[in-house]
Amino acid sequence: MDCQNKEISIVGAGLAGLSLGIGLRNSGVPVTLYEASHFPRHRVCGEFISGVSPKILQFLGVDDLLHGAQQHRKIRWYYKNTVIFESELPVLAWGISRFKLDELMANRLKEVGGTLIESHRIAKDVRRKNNEGWVWASGRKVHIKSKWLGLKVHVCKLEMKADLEMHLGENGYVGLSRVERGRVNVCGLFRKEQFLQNNKQSIFKNYLYANGLEYLSERISKAGKDERSLSSVSAFHLGWNESNASDFEIGDRLGVIPPFTGNGMSMAFEGAAEALNELKRYSYGDQTWKESRDRFLKRARKKFSWRMQMASRLHPFLLNSSLRMVLLHLCKLNLLPFNLLLRLLR
């Protein structure tokens, strides 16, 4: 029974925190989630799920929440409005907005008996007092010197040329993915430029034009944006984050994979599944908190290190002008080993 198991408190109700909480509740573990924001909400995210196995989603108890998601197979890459690559994903992927998915998962958590406290920010001194039983899933760590800016907006009536589009710019790239209600999620990663960030409503257009993607900006303008969905994020680091020796951290707190991989949402689910195994043992009294934390960190590093390493090596081919020419040449000669690269990033 729940009262015989130790409670787990989770700070942050994103994909990792919510799916972990649902999995723990399904295993009879008392769970409380604290979320600084409230549901439903828009977040900067590719809103594209590729790579996670149905077994992991079923293990977490969230597989049925994707039954209404868009199904994606065909992809197309562009550079300066020219198609440079077309292919199909070897395994079906899903498209669903975070606005919808996070709300579905929050409701599922409540249905299985978890407690969700919204609009509540946990003070940092909680860590210093006693971090046993606390899991930190509160998103990307702040890196003031970060050179990256992430932007996202939903477009209402955008005609898509494929299920997924990737548009390469001079100092960034933009992914398009169909989500629910006939909308398209437009999400970009750019090198940050202060002179482009004066006006919130025109910031996406400014970055698209600065990156040679004016044709995409015009497509978006003609289709019509949902201004309420416009979101941005900065001051984050791509790759592994430094971890406090005593903190149990999951999701983007642990590390952020470059978004071109399309694997960020899947990693959130996969990491939650790894954490679930260890936290159940702690809650049941089968191992100490330190053992659970150390075992999870070891398992997570082993599971994700290869794809994080490959992602960091491939990312410059999208942003460095010389390396991008190599990529374009491979695409022109039809020599890009797409399926191999996809396996390396999964």
Protein backbone atom coordinates (compact mmCIF):
# COMPACT_ATOMS: atom_id res chain seq x y z
CA MET A 1 0.00 0.00 0.00
CA ASP A 2 1.06 3.62 -0.56
CA CYS A 3 1.45 4.36 3.13
CA GLN A 4 4.16 1.73 3.38
CA ASN A 5 6.26 3.34 0.64
CA LYS A 6 8.36 6.48 0.86
CA GLU A 7 7.02 9.53 -0.97
CA ILE A 8 8.79 11.07 -3.96
CA SER A 9 8.59 14.82 -4.62
CA ILE A 10 9.28 15.96 -8.18
CA VAL A 11 10.14 19.57 -9.03
CA GLY A 12 9.05 20.34 -12.58
CA ALA A 13 6.07 18.97 -14.49
CA GLY A 14 7.45 18.63 -18.00
CA LEU A 15 7.58 15.38 -19.94
CA ALA A 16 10.21 13.78 -17.71
CA GLY A 17 8.62 14.84 -14.42
CA LEU A 18 5.05 13.98 -15.40
CA SER A 19 5.83 10.60 -16.95
CA LEU A 20 7.99 9.68 -13.96
CA GLY A 21 5.23 10.71 -11.58
CA ILE A 22 2.63 8.66 -13.47
CA GLY A 23 4.91 5.62 -13.51
CA LEU A 24 5.60 5.90 -9.79
CA ARG A 25 1.90 6.21 -8.96
CA ASN A 26 1.14 3.15 -11.06
CA SER A 27 3.72 1.35 -8.91
CA GLY A 28 2.09 2.41 -5.64
CA VAL A 29 4.55 5.18 -4.77
CA PRO A 30 3.14 8.41 -3.24
CA VAL A 31 4.03 11.33 -5.54
CA THR A 32 3.79 15.12 -5.38
CA LEU A 33 4.77 17.27 -8.37
CA TYR A 34 5.53 21.00 -8.09
CA GLU A 35 5.25 23.13 -11.22
CA ALA A 36 6.24 26.80 -11.37
CA SER A 37 3.88 27.42 -14.28
CA HIS A 38 0.34 26.18 -14.91
CA PHE A 39 -1.50 24.02 -17.43
CA PRO A 40 -2.10 24.22 -20.32
CA ARG A 41 0.95 26.15 -21.51
CA HIS A 42 3.12 26.50 -24.61
CA ARG A 43 6.79 25.55 -24.48
CA VAL A 44 9.71 25.76 -26.90
CA CYS A 45 9.84 22.22 -28.23
CA GLY A 46 10.01 20.42 -31.58
CA GLU A 47 6.79 18.61 -30.60
CA PHE A 48 8.02 15.56 -32.47
CA ILE A 49 8.51 12.15 -30.84
CA SER A 50 10.93 9.77 -32.53
CA GLY A 51 13.07 7.00 -31.10
CA VAL A 52 11.31 5.96 -27.90
CA SER A 53 9.91 2.43 -27.96
CA PRO A 54 6.20 1.73 -27.36
CA LYS A 55 7.28 -0.59 -24.52
CA ILE A 56 8.82 2.31 -22.59
CA LEU A 57 5.70 4.44 -23.05
CA GLN A 58 3.60 1.51 -21.87
CA PHE A 59 5.92 0.95 -18.89
CA LEU A 60 5.42 4.59 -17.89
CA GLY A 61 1.66 4.33 -18.39
CA VAL A 62 1.38 7.07 -21.05
CA ASP A 63 1.26 5.14 -24.34
CA ASP A 64 -2.48 5.62 -24.86
CA LEU A 65 -2.10 9.41 -24.62
CA LEU A 66 -0.49 9.42 -28.08
CA HIS A 67 -3.31 7.58 -29.82
CA GLY A 68 -4.64 10.82 -31.31
CA ALA A 69 -1.24 12.21 -32.29
CA GLN A 70 -0.27 12.96 -35.87
CA GLN A 71 1.71 10.20 -37.57
CA HIS A 72 4.88 11.23 -39.38
CA ARG A 73 6.97 9.42 -41.94
CA LYS A 74 8.08 11.69 -44.81
CA ILE A 75 10.84 14.27 -44.28
CA ARG A 76 12.30 17.03 -46.44
CA TRP A 77 15.33 19.28 -45.89
CA TYR A 78 15.81 22.74 -47.40
CA TYR A 79 18.67 25.18 -47.81
CA LYS A 80 17.76 28.65 -49.10
CA ASN A 81 14.40 27.43 -50.39
CA THR A 82 16.00 24.58 -52.32
CA VAL A 83 15.18 20.97 -51.49
CA ILE A 84 18.44 19.22 -50.66
CA PHE A 85 17.20 15.93 -49.23
CA GLU A 86 14.06 13.80 -49.06
CA SER A 87 13.49 10.50 -47.33
CA GLU A 88 11.20 8.50 -45.07
CA LEU A 89 11.72 7.61 -41.42
CA PRO A 90 12.27 3.87 -40.93
CA VAL A 91 9.92 3.92 -37.93
CA LEU A 92 6.73 5.93 -37.53
CA ALA A 93 7.02 9.10 -35.40
CA TRP A 94 4.34 11.19 -33.63
CA GLY A 95 3.51 14.88 -33.68
CA ILE A 96 1.63 16.44 -30.77
CA SER A 97 1.87 19.85 -29.13
CA ARG A 98 3.19 20.25 -25.61
CA PHE A 99 0.11 22.39 -24.94
CA LYS A 100 -2.03 19.27 -25.38
CA LEU A 101 0.33 16.49 -24.27
CA ASP A 102 1.40 18.11 -21.01
CA GLU A 103 -2.23 18.72 -20.07
CA LEU A 104 -3.16 15.11 -20.89
CA MET A 105 -0.30 13.87 -18.73
CA ALA A 106 -1.14 16.24 -15.88
CA ASN A 107 -4.71 14.93 -15.89
CA ARG A 108 -3.45 11.34 -15.99
CA LEU A 109 -1.25 11.99 -12.96
CA LYS A 110 -4.27 13.18 -11.00
CA GLU A 111 -6.36 10.22 -12.21
CA VAL A 112 -3.84 7.73 -10.80
CA GLY A 113 -3.70 9.51 -7.44
CA GLY A 114 -0.73 11.84 -7.78
CA THR A 115 -0.71 15.37 -6.37
CA LEU A 116 0.07 18.25 -8.73
CA ILE A 117 0.71 21.70 -7.28
CA GLU A 118 0.79 24.35 -10.01
CA SER A 119 2.14 27.93 -9.94
CA HIS A 120 4.44 26.97 -7.09
CA ARG A 121 8.19 27.50 -7.20
CA ILE A 122 10.34 25.43 -4.84
CA ALA A 123 13.00 27.46 -3.05
CA LYS A 124 16.60 26.56 -3.82
CA ASP A 125 17.37 26.08 -0.13
CA VAL A 126 15.33 22.87 -0.18
CA ARG A 127 18.43 21.21 -1.64
CA ARG A 128 20.63 22.45 1.15
CA LYS A 129 18.28 21.26 3.90
CA ASN A 130 17.54 17.73 2.78
CA ASN A 131 17.34 16.51 -0.79
CA GLU A 132 16.38 12.91 -0.03
CA GLY A 133 13.19 12.01 -1.84
CA TRP A 134 13.39 15.08 -4.13
CA VAL A 135 13.79 14.69 -7.91
CA TRP A 136 14.72 17.75 -9.98
CA ALA A 137 13.02 17.78 -13.39
CA SER A 138 12.73 21.55 -13.69
CA GLY A 139 14.12 21.94 -17.19
CA ARG A 140 17.29 23.40 -18.68
CA LYS A 141 19.88 24.80 -16.31
CA VAL A 142 20.65 28.49 -16.72
CA HIS A 143 23.86 29.33 -18.59
CA ILE A 144 24.13 33.11 -18.76
CA LYS A 145 26.86 33.01 -21.42
CA SER A 146 24.86 30.76 -23.73
CA LYS A 147 24.99 31.67 -27.41
CA TRP A 148 21.70 29.96 -28.25
CA LEU A 149 18.12 31.14 -28.63
CA GLY A 150 15.16 28.82 -29.15
CA LEU A 151 11.93 30.13 -30.71
CA LYS A 152 8.61 28.41 -31.34
CA VAL A 153 5.21 29.35 -32.77
CA HIS A 154 2.15 27.49 -34.06
CA VAL A 155 0.99 28.29 -37.58
CA CYS A 156 -2.67 27.77 -38.34
CA LYS A 157 -3.01 26.98 -42.06
CA LEU A 158 0.44 26.23 -43.37
CA GLU A 159 0.67 23.91 -46.35
CA MET A 160 3.33 21.31 -45.65
CA LYS A 161 5.50 19.71 -48.33
CA ALA A 162 6.23 16.71 -46.09
CA ASP A 163 5.30 15.48 -42.62
CA LEU A 164 8.49 17.06 -41.31
CA GLU A 165 10.51 19.89 -42.80
CA MET A 166 14.00 21.04 -41.82
CA HIS A 167 15.19 24.45 -43.05
CA LEU A 168 18.89 25.23 -42.74
CA GLY A 169 19.91 28.86 -42.24
CA GLU A 170 23.22 30.68 -41.97
CA ASN A 171 23.41 30.55 -38.17
CA GLY A 172 20.53 28.34 -37.19
CA TYR A 173 17.84 25.98 -38.40
CA VAL A 174 14.08 25.56 -38.18
CA GLY A 175 11.99 22.41 -37.93
CA LEU A 176 8.34 22.15 -38.97
CA SER A 177 6.11 19.41 -37.61
CA ARG A 178 2.37 18.85 -37.99
CA VAL A 179 0.48 18.74 -34.69
CA GLU A 180 -3.22 18.57 -33.81
CA ARG A 181 -6.07 20.80 -35.06
CA GLY A 182 -4.46 21.28 -38.47
CA ARG A 183 -1.62 23.32 -36.98
CA VAL A 184 2.10 23.21 -37.66
CA ASN A 185 4.71 23.68 -34.97
CA VAL A 186 7.56 25.90 -36.18
CA CYS A 187 10.57 25.65 -33.88
CA GLY A 188 14.01 27.13 -34.47
CA LEU A 189 17.44 27.20 -32.89
CA PHE A 190 19.58 30.27 -33.65
CA ARG A 191 22.82 31.85 -32.61
CA LYS A 192 21.77 34.73 -30.42
CA GLU A 193 22.05 38.28 -31.78
CA GLN A 194 21.12 41.12 -29.42
CA PHE A 195 20.19 43.55 -32.19
CA LEU A 196 17.44 41.17 -33.40
CA GLN A 197 15.62 40.91 -30.07
CA ASN A 198 14.01 44.33 -29.62
CA ASN A 199 10.40 43.41 -30.42
CA LYS A 200 8.81 40.20 -29.16
CA GLN A 201 6.17 40.07 -31.89
CA SER A 202 8.71 40.38 -34.72
CA ILE A 203 11.58 38.40 -33.18
CA PHE A 204 10.91 35.19 -35.13
CA LYS A 205 10.65 37.10 -38.42
CA ASN A 206 13.87 38.98 -37.64
CA TYR A 207 15.80 35.77 -37.02
CA LEU A 208 14.39 34.07 -40.12
CA TYR A 209 15.44 36.99 -42.33
CA ALA A 210 18.87 37.23 -40.68
CA ASN A 211 19.43 33.55 -41.44
CA GLY A 212 18.41 33.73 -45.09
CA LEU A 213 15.05 32.10 -44.44
CA GLU A 214 12.86 34.96 -45.65
CA TYR A 215 10.94 32.56 -47.92
CA LEU A 216 9.91 30.58 -44.82
CA SER A 217 8.93 33.78 -43.03
CA GLU A 218 6.68 34.70 -45.95
CA ARG A 219 5.05 31.25 -45.92
CA ILE A 220 4.34 31.63 -42.21
CA SER A 221 2.99 35.17 -42.57
CA LYS A 222 0.56 34.13 -45.32
CA ALA A 223 -0.68 31.15 -43.29
CA GLY A 224 -1.17 33.04 -40.02
CA LYS A 225 0.46 32.57 -36.62
CA ASP A 226 -1.16 31.84 -33.29
CA GLU A 227 0.54 34.65 -31.39
CA ARG A 228 -0.43 33.09 -28.06
CA SER A 229 1.85 30.15 -28.85
CA LEU A 230 4.94 32.31 -29.46
CA SER A 231 7.58 31.14 -26.98
CA SER A 232 11.29 31.65 -26.50
CA VAL A 233 14.09 30.21 -24.40
CA SER A 234 17.71 31.24 -23.98
CA ALA A 235 20.58 30.91 -21.50
CA PHE A 236 20.89 27.16 -21.95
CA HIS A 237 23.70 24.78 -22.77
CA LEU A 238 23.67 21.99 -25.36
CA GLY A 239 25.18 18.75 -24.06
CA TRP A 240 25.66 17.35 -20.56
CA ASN A 241 25.17 19.66 -17.61
CA GLU A 242 27.30 19.58 -14.50
CA SER A 243 25.42 17.68 -11.81
CA ASN A 244 25.38 18.41 -8.10
CA ALA A 245 26.85 15.45 -6.26
CA SER A 246 23.73 14.96 -4.16
CA ASP A 247 20.92 15.96 -6.57
CA PHE A 248 18.71 13.46 -8.39
CA GLU A 249 18.23 15.19 -11.77
CA ILE A 250 16.37 13.99 -14.85
CA GLY A 251 15.35 15.33 -18.25
CA ASP A 252 16.93 18.57 -19.44
CA ARG A 253 18.40 19.13 -15.98
CA LEU A 254 20.80 16.32 -16.82
CA GLY A 255 21.57 17.30 -20.39
CA VAL A 256 20.14 18.83 -23.58
CA ILE A 257 20.61 17.12 -26.92
CA PRO A 258 20.78 19.41 -29.99
CA PRO A 259 17.24 19.70 -31.41
CA PHE A 260 18.14 18.67 -34.97
CA THR A 261 18.21 15.06 -33.74
CA GLY A 262 14.47 15.06 -33.06
CA ASN A 263 15.23 12.96 -29.99
CA GLY A 264 14.70 15.35 -27.07
CA MET A 265 11.15 14.31 -26.20
CA SER A 266 12.04 10.64 -26.52
CA MET A 267 15.01 11.08 -24.18
CA ALA A 268 12.69 12.62 -21.58
CA PHE A 269 10.55 9.48 -21.61
CA GLU A 270 13.55 7.14 -21.68
CA GLY A 271 15.24 8.95 -18.79
CA ALA A 272 12.03 8.83 -16.75
CA ALA A 273 11.84 5.07 -17.28
CA GLU A 274 15.42 4.63 -16.03
CA ALA A 275 14.69 6.81 -12.99
CA LEU A 276 11.46 4.92 -12.28
CA ASN A 277 13.30 1.64 -11.81
CA GLU A 278 15.67 3.11 -9.22
CA LEU A 279 13.14 5.28 -7.36
CA LYS A 280 10.80 2.33 -6.90
CA ARG A 281 13.59 0.49 -5.11
CA TYR A 282 14.19 3.47 -2.85
CA SER A 283 10.50 3.92 -2.09
CA TYR A 284 10.09 0.21 -1.31
CA GLY A 285 13.09 0.34 1.03
CA ASP A 286 15.29 -1.90 -1.10
CA GLN A 287 18.13 0.61 -1.50
CA THR A 288 19.25 3.97 -0.12
CA TRP A 289 18.64 7.34 -1.75
CA LYS A 290 22.31 7.67 -2.65
CA GLU A 291 22.33 4.23 -4.22
CA SER A 292 19.25 5.09 -6.28
CA ARG A 293 20.70 8.38 -7.42
CA ASP A 294 24.13 6.95 -8.28
CA ARG A 295 22.69 3.92 -10.10
CA PHE A 296 20.37 6.11 -12.15
CA LEU A 297 23.13 8.54 -13.12
CA LYS A 298 25.35 5.66 -14.22
CA ARG A 299 22.55 4.07 -16.25
CA ALA A 300 21.54 7.38 -17.84
CA ARG A 301 25.10 8.26 -18.82
CA LYS A 302 25.56 4.81 -20.34
CA LYS A 303 22.27 4.97 -22.21
CA PHE A 304 22.61 8.49 -23.63
CA SER A 305 26.36 9.16 -23.88
CA TRP A 306 26.80 7.79 -27.39
CA ARG A 307 23.95 9.75 -28.95
CA MET A 308 24.96 12.92 -27.10
CA GLN A 309 28.50 12.53 -28.35
CA MET A 310 27.39 11.90 -31.95
CA ALA A 311 24.96 14.84 -31.81
CA SER A 312 27.71 17.22 -30.67
CA ARG A 313 29.92 16.07 -33.55
CA LEU A 314 27.23 16.37 -36.21
CA HIS A 315 25.72 19.66 -35.05
CA PRO A 316 28.50 21.85 -36.55
CA PHE A 317 27.63 20.49 -40.02
CA LEU A 318 24.41 22.49 -39.80
CA LEU A 319 25.93 25.75 -38.55
CA ASN A 320 29.50 26.01 -39.82
CA SER A 321 29.60 27.30 -43.41
CA SER A 322 32.48 25.04 -44.50
CA LEU A 323 31.06 21.91 -42.90
CA ARG A 324 27.59 22.75 -44.22
CA MET A 325 29.03 22.70 -47.75
CA VAL A 326 30.18 19.13 -47.12
CA LEU A 327 26.64 18.24 -46.03
CA LEU A 328 25.13 19.92 -49.09
CA HIS A 329 27.57 18.13 -51.39
CA LEU A 330 26.70 14.73 -49.89
CA CYS A 331 23.01 15.50 -50.34
CA LYS A 332 23.54 16.59 -53.96
CA LEU A 333 25.36 13.33 -54.76
CA ASN A 334 22.70 11.32 -52.91
CA LEU A 335 25.41 9.99 -50.58
CA LEU A 336 24.05 11.12 -47.22
CA PRO A 337 23.83 8.00 -44.99
CA PHE A 338 20.57 9.16 -43.40
CA ASN A 339 19.41 5.88 -41.84
CA LEU A 340 22.87 5.25 -40.38
CA LEU A 341 22.99 8.75 -38.87
CA LEU A 342 19.50 8.30 -37.48
CA ARG A 343 20.54 5.07 -35.73
CA LEU A 344 23.59 6.80 -34.25
CA LEU A 345 21.31 9.45 -32.72
CA ARG A 346 18.81 7.01 -31.18
